[in-house]
Amino acid sequence: MADVAAKVGVSRALVSLVFRDQPGASPGTRERVFKAASDLGYRPDMAARLLARGRSKVLGILFTARNPYHVDLVEAIYPAAEELGYDLVLSAAVPTRDEHKAIEALIGHRSEALLLCGPTIPDDEIASIVEGIPTVLIGRGLRDCPVDIVTTYDRPGAREVIDYLVGLGHKDIVHVDGGSRPGAPERRRAYRDAMRGHGLGEHIRVLPGNHTEEAGADAARELLAETGPLPTAVFASNDLAAIGLLDVFTRSGINVPEQISIVGYDDSHIAGLSHIDLTTVRQDVPKLAQLAVQAADEQLRGVREPGAYLRLESKLVVRGTSGPPAT
């Protein structure tokens, strides 16, 4: 603004009045100020304006850079945030930068509210880090903490997978679990319950895993190294693990789904790629994003106290990695 004022030959205070559309400058002066600003390439600092009013209108997003489902969430959050007048600041958790640092960076960038995509840090640590900041957890539950939860019913989705596979004729169905990752315990319990419900309790087998491609690949190698026959189907706790299974099996000459069916969970964008074509459980990402942004906005506007628990239904999406077991 000082440069604009010097070019026009007026005070900086007068330039400020013009930019804020306040009275005090003649039409001719206003025209000269805007022309000088255009010539100099001046752009008003919207962040500074909002901070001067006590608002940043910025939502801070924590996500895991290597998780395609989180990337899908971030992509869906942008239009939902813009619709309500918010901008986003992204902070990724990566192998060399943990979630604590990622969240602290969001707070340091004056985020008004935090949207945390599937954080894995302990409950009490989340509570202490986000204390006093409106927070929404996406895809992760948290007890006794003043935050909003937006997630999907995991148990019905996992149960639908087993119902579908049993309906095709599968009995020997293995589950590669996600350890303590968000959603994994519910999917694991649903797998066990559904198998028992179909009278297949003796076929229950859970391989320890993670929500990573490497974990799925390790599970596939373990199954291939065994002397007995392969299971006829594997249900992975997320799409990345399922893709790890698919890669190792196909490289080993195992035909999918003729020799083994593979099912994932999330329906991330990579699941639908033509060379993967993964059967999986779809979570309604656009709706999750919309609910998360709305929840943050309601907290910021003081419409209600934090603590809302919002859940959506999931849906099985059948693609090319599943079929009847070989006879």
Foldseek 3Di string as FASTA:
>chain_A
DCQLCVVLVHDPVVLVCLVVVHDDDDPVSSVSSVVSCVVVVHDDDVQVVQVVVVHRLEEEEEEAPPDLLRVLLVVLLQVLSVVVPHHYDYFHDYPVRHPLNSLVVSVVVVHQAYEYEQHDDDQVVVQVSCPPHAYEYELADHPPHQYEYFYAQLLVLLLVVLVVQVVLPFQQEEEEFAPSTRSRVNSLVSNCVSSVVVVNNVNYYYHYAHPALVRLLVVLVVQVPDPDAHGLEYEYAADRSQVSNVVNCVVVVHDFNAAHAYEHEAPRVVCVPPVNFHWYKHDPSSVSSNVRSVSSVCVSVVVDTGDHYHYDYIGTDDTGRDHHYHD
